[in-house]
C-alpha atoms as a PDB file:
ATOM      1  CA  MET A   1      -0.236   0.019  -0.259  1.00  0.00           C
ATOM      2  CA  ARG A   2       1.374   3.461  -0.746  1.00  0.00           C
ATOM      3  CA  VAL A   3       1.865   5.593   2.224  1.00  0.00           C
ATOM      4  CA  PRO A   4       0.536   8.939   1.692  1.00  0.00           C
ATOM      5  CA  PRO A   5       1.847  11.845   3.586  1.00  0.00           C
ATOM      6  CA  LEU A   6       0.561  13.282   6.962  1.00  0.00           C
ATOM      7  CA  PRO A   7      -3.049  15.423   6.763  1.00  0.00           C
ATOM      8  CA  ASP A   8      -2.638  19.162   5.699  1.00  0.00           C
ATOM      9  CA  PRO A   9      -3.098  21.765   7.987  1.00  0.00           C
ATOM     10  CA  ALA A  10      -5.356  23.424   5.460  1.00  0.00           C
ATOM     11  CA  ASN A  11      -7.661  20.582   5.734  1.00  0.00           C
ATOM     12  CA  GLN A  12      -8.687  21.167   9.999  1.00  0.00           C
ATOM     13  CA  LEU A  13     -12.556  19.830  10.400  1.00  0.00           C
ATOM     14  CA  SER A  14     -13.484  23.235  11.866  1.00  0.00           C
ATOM     15  CA  ARG A  15     -17.445  24.534  12.162  1.00  0.00           C
ATOM     16  CA  GLU A  16     -16.906  26.947   9.282  1.00  0.00           C
ATOM     17  CA  ARG A  17     -15.844  23.655   6.973  1.00  0.00           C
ATOM     18  CA  ILE A  18     -18.611  22.010   8.309  1.00  0.00           C
ATOM     19  CA  ALA A  19     -21.151  24.662   7.598  1.00  0.00           C
ATOM     20  CA  ALA A  20     -19.605  24.885   4.043  1.00  0.00           C
ATOM     21  CA  GLY A  21     -20.252  21.197   2.881  1.00  0.00           C
ATOM     22  CA  ALA A  22     -23.370  20.628   4.869  1.00  0.00           C
ATOM     23  CA  VAL A  23     -26.077  19.522   2.437  1.00  0.00           C
ATOM     24  CA  GLY A  24     -29.634  19.501   3.452  1.00  0.00           C
ATOM     25  CA  ASP A  25     -31.208  19.483   6.398  1.00  0.00           C
ATOM     26  CA  ARG A  26     -28.841  18.313   8.800  1.00  0.00           C
ATOM     27  CA  SER A  27     -26.856  19.620  12.284  1.00  0.00           C
ATOM     28  CA  VAL A  28     -23.479  21.672  11.656  1.00  0.00           C
ATOM     29  CA  ASP A  29     -20.984  21.007  14.660  1.00  0.00           C
ATOM     30  CA  VAL A  30     -23.687  20.865  17.309  1.00  0.00           C
ATOM     31  CA  PRO A  31     -24.726  16.945  17.058  1.00  0.00           C
ATOM     32  CA  ALA A  32     -28.289  16.002  17.792  1.00  0.00           C
ATOM     33  CA  ALA A  33     -27.296  14.321  20.850  1.00  0.00           C
ATOM     34  CA  ALA A  34     -24.264  14.492  22.979  1.00  0.00           C
ATOM     35  CA  ILE A  35     -21.087  12.388  21.658  1.00  0.00           C
ATOM     36  CA  THR A  36     -20.495   9.719  24.140  1.00  0.00           C
ATOM     37  CA  MET A  37     -18.299   6.259  23.928  1.00  0.00           C
ATOM     38  CA  THR A  38     -19.709   3.094  23.330  1.00  0.00           C
ATOM     39  CA  PRO A  39     -17.881  -0.128  24.575  1.00  0.00           C
ATOM     40  CA  TYR A  40     -16.575  -1.965  21.730  1.00  0.00           C
ATOM     41  CA  ASP A  41     -20.304  -3.672  20.078  1.00  0.00           C
ATOM     42  CA  PRO A  42     -19.723  -7.112  18.265  1.00  0.00           C
ATOM     43  CA  ALA A  43     -22.349  -6.411  16.079  1.00  0.00           C
ATOM     44  CA  TRP A  44     -20.521  -3.183  14.494  1.00  0.00           C
ATOM     45  CA  PRO A  45     -18.637  -5.483  11.792  1.00  0.00           C
ATOM     46  CA  SER A  46     -21.809  -7.774  11.228  1.00  0.00           C
ATOM     47  CA  LEU A  47     -23.516  -4.216  10.160  1.00  0.00           C
ATOM     48  CA  PHE A  48     -20.774  -3.371   7.927  1.00  0.00           C
ATOM     49  CA  ALA A  49     -20.629  -6.805   6.113  1.00  0.00           C
ATOM     50  CA  ARG A  50     -24.622  -6.071   5.544  1.00  0.00           C
ATOM     51  CA  GLU A  51     -24.403  -2.762   4.244  1.00  0.00           C
ATOM     52  CA  ARG A  52     -20.999  -4.074   1.938  1.00  0.00           C
ATOM     53  CA  VAL A  53     -23.512  -6.364   0.709  1.00  0.00           C
ATOM     54  CA  ARG A  54     -25.817  -4.114   0.196  1.00  0.00           C
ATOM     55  CA  ILE A  55     -23.928  -1.262  -1.344  1.00  0.00           C
ATOM     56  CA  ARG A  56     -21.923  -4.160  -3.882  1.00  0.00           C
ATOM     57  CA  ALA A  57     -25.114  -4.910  -5.061  1.00  0.00           C
ATOM     58  CA  ALA A  58     -26.409  -1.702  -6.008  1.00  0.00           C
ATOM     59  CA  LEU A  59     -23.223  -0.362  -7.737  1.00  0.00           C
ATOM     60  CA  GLY A  60     -21.726  -3.575  -9.367  1.00  0.00           C
ATOM     61  CA  ALA A  61     -18.156  -2.333 -10.665  1.00  0.00           C
ATOM     62  CA  HIS A  62     -18.729   1.131  -9.779  1.00  0.00           C
ATOM     63  CA  ALA A  63     -17.741   0.482  -6.136  1.00  0.00           C
ATOM     64  CA  ILE A  64     -13.702  -0.149  -6.369  1.00  0.00           C
ATOM     65  CA  ALA A  65     -13.808  -0.513  -2.809  1.00  0.00           C
ATOM     66  CA  VAL A  66     -16.183  -0.514   0.633  1.00  0.00           C
ATOM     67  CA  GLU A  67     -13.940  -0.677   3.678  1.00  0.00           C
ATOM     68  CA  HIS A  68     -14.884  -0.585   7.077  1.00  0.00           C
ATOM     69  CA  VAL A  69     -13.080   2.498   8.579  1.00  0.00           C
ATOM     70  CA  GLY A  70     -12.803   4.433  11.952  1.00  0.00           C
ATOM     71  CA  SER A  71     -12.790   3.322  15.833  1.00  0.00           C
ATOM     72  CA  THR A  72     -15.475   0.581  15.480  1.00  0.00           C
ATOM     73  CA  ALA A  73     -13.838  -0.915  12.740  1.00  0.00           C
ATOM     74  CA  VAL A  74     -10.763  -1.823  15.792  1.00  0.00           C
ATOM     75  CA  PRO A  75     -11.836  -4.587  17.552  1.00  0.00           C
ATOM     76  CA  GLY A  76     -11.956  -3.272  21.378  1.00  0.00           C
ATOM     77  CA  LEU A  77     -11.773   0.108  20.687  1.00  0.00           C
ATOM     78  CA  ALA A  78     -14.709   1.949  22.421  1.00  0.00           C
ATOM     79  CA  ALA A  79     -16.427   4.398  19.682  1.00  0.00           C
ATOM     80  CA  LYS A  80     -19.071   6.537  19.109  1.00  0.00           C
ATOM     81  CA  ASN A  81     -22.275   4.143  18.046  1.00  0.00           C
ATOM     82  CA  ARG A  82     -22.020   4.951  13.930  1.00  0.00           C
ATOM     83  CA  VAL A  83     -20.036   2.938  11.594  1.00  0.00           C
ATOM     84  CA  ASP A  84     -17.926   4.952   9.113  1.00  0.00           C
ATOM     85  CA  ILE A  85     -17.523   3.418   5.789  1.00  0.00           C
ATOM     86  CA  ASP A  86     -15.389   4.399   2.912  1.00  0.00           C
ATOM     87  CA  LEU A  87     -16.845   3.496  -0.459  1.00  0.00           C
ATOM     88  CA  ILE A  88     -14.046   4.144  -3.301  1.00  0.00           C
ATOM     89  CA  VAL A  89     -16.081   5.039  -6.836  1.00  0.00           C
ATOM     90  CA  PRO A  90     -14.119   6.012 -10.213  1.00  0.00           C
ATOM     91  CA  ASP A  91     -15.534   9.699  -9.654  1.00  0.00           C
ATOM     92  CA  PRO A  92     -17.156  10.999  -6.748  1.00  0.00           C
ATOM     93  CA  ALA A  93     -17.803  14.196  -8.407  1.00  0.00           C
ATOM     94  CA  ASP A  94     -19.945  12.058 -10.600  1.00  0.00           C
ATOM     95  CA  GLU A  95     -22.815  12.112  -8.356  1.00  0.00           C
ATOM     96  CA  PRO A  96     -25.841  10.765 -10.799  1.00  0.00           C
ATOM     97  CA  ALA A  97     -23.295   7.910 -11.182  1.00  0.00           C
ATOM     98  CA  TYR A  98     -24.414   6.710  -7.532  1.00  0.00           C
ATOM     99  CA  LEU A  99     -26.219   9.047  -5.278  1.00  0.00           C
ATOM    100  CA  PRO A 100     -29.506   7.626  -7.143  1.00  0.00           C
ATOM    101  CA  VAL A 101     -28.499   4.181  -6.559  1.00  0.00           C
ATOM    102  CA  LEU A 102     -27.966   4.237  -2.886  1.00  0.00           C
ATOM    103  CA  GLU A 103     -31.089   6.910  -1.826  1.00  0.00           C
ATOM    104  CA  PRO A 104     -33.224   3.324  -2.122  1.00  0.00           C
ATOM    105  CA  LEU A 105     -31.004   2.019   0.425  1.00  0.00           C
ATOM    106  CA  GLY A 106     -31.294   4.529   2.962  1.00  0.00           C
ATOM    107  CA  TYR A 107     -28.761   6.975   2.087  1.00  0.00           C
ATOM    108  CA  VAL A 108     -28.900  10.547   1.735  1.00  0.00           C
ATOM    109  CA  LEU A 109     -26.305  12.780   0.632  1.00  0.00           C
ATOM    110  CA  ARG A 110     -25.378  15.057   3.861  1.00  0.00           C
ATOM    111  CA  THR A 111     -21.702  16.514   3.081  1.00  0.00           C
ATOM    112  CA  ARG A 112     -20.251  17.651  -0.095  1.00  0.00           C
ATOM    113  CA  GLU A 113     -16.653  18.665  -0.212  1.00  0.00           C
ATOM    114  CA  PRO A 114     -15.379  19.460  -3.620  1.00  0.00           C
ATOM    115  CA  ALA A 115     -12.077  21.101  -2.531  1.00  0.00           C
ATOM    116  CA  TRP A 116     -11.562  18.136  -0.154  1.00  0.00           C
ATOM    117  CA  TYR A 117     -10.577  14.505  -2.405  1.00  0.00           C
ATOM    118  CA  GLN A 118     -14.062  15.583  -3.990  1.00  0.00           C
ATOM    119  CA  HIS A 119     -15.098  13.619  -0.741  1.00  0.00           C
ATOM    120  CA  ARG A 120     -19.156  13.116  -0.273  1.00  0.00           C
ATOM    121  CA  CYS A 121     -20.494  11.852   2.907  1.00  0.00           C
ATOM    122  CA  CYS A 122     -23.971  10.055   2.976  1.00  0.00           C
ATOM    123  CA  TRP A 123     -25.729   9.033   6.215  1.00  0.00           C
ATOM    124  CA  ASN A 124     -28.262   6.042   6.310  1.00  0.00           C
ATOM    125  CA  ASP A 125     -31.580   6.573   7.999  1.00  0.00           C
ATOM    126  CA  GLY A 126     -31.492   6.806  11.701  1.00  0.00           C
ATOM    127  CA  HIS A 127     -27.614   8.065  10.773  1.00  0.00           C
ATOM    128  CA  THR A 128     -26.000   4.559  12.395  1.00  0.00           C
ATOM    129  CA  VAL A 129     -23.844   4.855   9.091  1.00  0.00           C
ATOM    130  CA  ASN A 130     -21.577   7.604   7.799  1.00  0.00           C
ATOM    131  CA  LEU A 131     -20.962   6.375   3.723  1.00  0.00           C
ATOM    132  CA  HIS A 132     -18.183   8.318   3.016  1.00  0.00           C
ATOM    133  CA  VAL A 133     -17.025   8.859  -0.773  1.00  0.00           C
ATOM    134  CA  PHE A 134     -14.037   9.404  -2.248  1.00  0.00           C
ATOM    135  CA  GLY A 135     -11.651   8.159  -5.754  1.00  0.00           C
ATOM    136  CA  PRO A 136      -9.417   5.676  -6.186  1.00  0.00           C
ATOM    137  CA  ASP A 137      -5.932   6.627  -4.636  1.00  0.00           C
ATOM    138  CA  CYS A 138      -6.921   9.070  -2.334  1.00  0.00           C
ATOM    139  CA  ASP A 139      -4.588  10.106   0.774  1.00  0.00           C
ATOM    140  CA  GLU A 140      -7.327  10.253   2.990  1.00  0.00           C
ATOM    141  CA  HIS A 141      -8.750   6.656   2.250  1.00  0.00           C
ATOM    142  CA  LEU A 142      -5.225   4.977   2.787  1.00  0.00           C
ATOM    143  CA  ARG A 143      -4.806   7.085   5.696  1.00  0.00           C
ATOM    144  CA  HIS A 144      -7.845   5.417   7.377  1.00  0.00           C
ATOM    145  CA  LEU A 145      -6.851   2.096   6.280  1.00  0.00           C
ATOM    146  CA  ILE A 146      -3.263   2.746   7.594  1.00  0.00           C
ATOM    147  CA  PHE A 147      -4.437   3.949  10.989  1.00  0.00           C
ATOM    148  CA  ARG A 148      -7.073   1.182  11.427  1.00  0.00           C
ATOM    149  CA  ASP A 149      -4.707  -1.456  10.433  1.00  0.00           C
ATOM    150  CA  TRP A 150      -2.131  -0.045  12.797  1.00  0.00           C
ATOM    151  CA  LEU A 151      -4.850   0.130  15.729  1.00  0.00           C
ATOM    152  CA  ARG A 152      -5.638  -3.602  15.223  1.00  0.00           C
ATOM    153  CA  SER A 153      -2.201  -4.353  15.667  1.00  0.00           C
ATOM    154  CA  HIS A 154      -0.622  -2.507  18.330  1.00  0.00           C
ATOM    155  CA  PRO A 155      -2.749  -2.758  21.642  1.00  0.00           C
ATOM    156  CA  ASP A 156      -0.791   0.044  23.545  1.00  0.00           C
ATOM    157  CA  ASP A 157      -1.347   2.604  20.807  1.00  0.00           C
ATOM    158  CA  ARG A 158      -5.103   1.465  20.808  1.00  0.00           C
ATOM    159  CA  ALA A 159      -5.561   1.905  24.338  1.00  0.00           C
ATOM    160  CA  THR A 160      -3.897   5.417  24.109  1.00  0.00           C
ATOM    161  CA  TYR A 161      -6.055   6.354  21.257  1.00  0.00           C
ATOM    162  CA  GLN A 162      -9.354   5.327  23.230  1.00  0.00           C
ATOM    163  CA  ALA A 163      -8.334   7.532  26.080  1.00  0.00           C
ATOM    164  CA  ALA A 164      -7.923  10.503  24.200  1.00  0.00           C
ATOM    165  CA  LYS A 165     -11.401   9.827  22.578  1.00  0.00           C
ATOM    166  CA  ARG A 166     -12.708   9.466  26.117  1.00  0.00           C
ATOM    167  CA  ARG A 167     -11.409  12.913  26.628  1.00  0.00           C
ATOM    168  CA  ALA A 168     -12.696  14.512  24.315  1.00  0.00           C
ATOM    169  CA  ALA A 169     -16.032  13.276  24.624  1.00  0.00           C
ATOM    170  CA  ALA A 170     -15.715  14.351  27.944  1.00  0.00           C
ATOM    171  CA  ASP A 171     -14.384  17.506  27.303  1.00  0.00           C
ATOM    172  CA  GLN A 172     -16.534  18.860  24.011  1.00  0.00           C
ATOM    173  CA  PRO A 173     -19.332  16.821  24.052  1.00  0.00           C
ATOM    174  CA  TRP A 174     -21.718  19.407  21.967  1.00  0.00           C
ATOM    175  CA  SER A 175     -19.056  20.089  19.187  1.00  0.00           C
ATOM    176  CA  VAL A 176     -18.068  17.852  16.529  1.00  0.00           C
ATOM    177  CA  SER A 177     -15.552  20.191  15.183  1.00  0.00           C
ATOM    178  CA  ALA A 178     -14.002  20.954  19.029  1.00  0.00           C
ATOM    179  CA  TYR A 179     -14.306  16.843  19.715  1.00  0.00           C
ATOM    180  CA  ASN A 180     -12.222  16.300  16.800  1.00  0.00           C
ATOM    181  CA  ALA A 181      -9.446  18.738  17.804  1.00  0.00           C
ATOM    182  CA  ARG A 182      -8.876  17.191  21.167  1.00  0.00           C
ATOM    183  CA  LYS A 183      -7.889  13.875  19.539  1.00  0.00           C
ATOM    184  CA  VAL A 184      -5.346  15.588  16.972  1.00  0.00           C
ATOM    185  CA  THR A 185      -2.011  14.707  19.048  1.00  0.00           C
ATOM    186  CA  ALA A 186      -3.216  11.176  19.255  1.00  0.00           C
ATOM    187  CA  ILE A 187      -4.023  10.905  15.827  1.00  0.00           C
ATOM    188  CA  LEU A 188      -1.006  12.529  14.451  1.00  0.00           C
ATOM    189  CA  ASP A 189       1.457  10.460  16.979  1.00  0.00           C
ATOM    190  CA  ILE A 190      -0.077   7.247  15.576  1.00  0.00           C
ATOM    191  CA  LEU A 191      -0.438   7.809  12.192  1.00  0.00           C
ATOM    192  CA  HIS A 192       3.446   9.321  12.355  1.00  0.00           C
ATOM    193  CA  LYS A 193       4.517   5.724  13.997  1.00  0.00           C
ATOM    194  CA  ALA A 194       2.862   4.227  11.270  1.00  0.00           C
ATOM    195  CA  GLY A 195       5.141   5.705   8.852  1.00  0.00           C
ATOM    196  CA  LEU A 196       3.398   8.933   7.547  1.00  0.00           C
ATOM    197  CA  ARG A 197       5.308  12.020   7.297  1.00  0.00           C
ATOM    198  CA  PRO A 198       4.635  15.713   6.325  1.00  0.00           C
ATOM    199  CA  PRO A 199       4.430  16.247   2.364  1.00  0.00           C
ATOM    200  CA  ARG A 200       8.207  16.974   1.102  1.00  0.00           C
ATOM    201  CA  GLY A 201       9.262  20.403   2.115  1.00  0.00           C
ATOM    202  CA  ASP A 202       7.290  20.614   4.743  1.00  0.00           C
ATOM    203  CA  ASP A 203       8.769  20.182   8.342  1.00  0.00           C
ATOM    204  CA  GLN A 204       6.378  21.472  10.768  1.00  0.00           C
ATOM    205  CA  GLU A 205       4.371  18.729  11.909  1.00  0.00           C
ATOM    206  CA  ALA A 206       3.428  19.899  15.104  1.00  0.00           C
ATOM    207  CA  ASN A 207       0.643  22.341  12.785  1.00  0.00           C
ATOM    208  CA  LEU A 208      -0.587  19.341  10.999  1.00  0.00           C
ATOM    209  CA  ARG A 209      -3.963  18.222  11.645  1.00  0.00           C
ATOM    210  CA  PRO A 210      -6.528  15.012  10.457  1.00  0.00           C
ATOM    211  CA  SER A 211      -9.899  15.371   8.658  1.00  0.00           C
ATOM    212  CA  PRO A 212     -13.121  13.591   9.150  1.00  0.00           C
ATOM    213  CA  GLY A 213     -13.531  10.172   9.450  1.00  0.00           C
ATOM    214  CA  TRP A 214     -11.634   9.464  12.322  1.00  0.00           C
END
């Protein structure tokens, strides 16, 4: 797998960024319920497996990859009770090629970010799934896979990240952007251990920030 660079500081998740990308009648930064950590639930992989089958059946070859990412993809890790899935399609900007097929499955477009890897995010009915749509060989998708796989095989770092998540949820339960910002140091430390480095010519690691989907 190609190793992407550490996240770009310009892509820090902020309330303004969330608002700019929001589609339809949805919350902006303030969650519908307080952010809390749920102990690892063995049902999460089953939910992902069910959704992967449905998505692949609907999209066929247009679904280049369907991957379980985020904390619910790491056995033993506490998480928000919402499954993150990365869907890789040939061109996320070509919404007519996949959104009309996903809508009968209950997925509705809620985020559109053309300037950030053409990222789209759909929510399912009840918002138990975030379906992130990226294109092939996307840096952020690769970061998701590397981070997930590292936590699966490194229990000490998994425990460190879980503690960071619990502190973030306790300190910032009513702001998605602030909750994500509280986890930055732990995420960057783990990505660095996994081999990621700043883009060539950028040595200001301390200023880098990860983006959504963690």
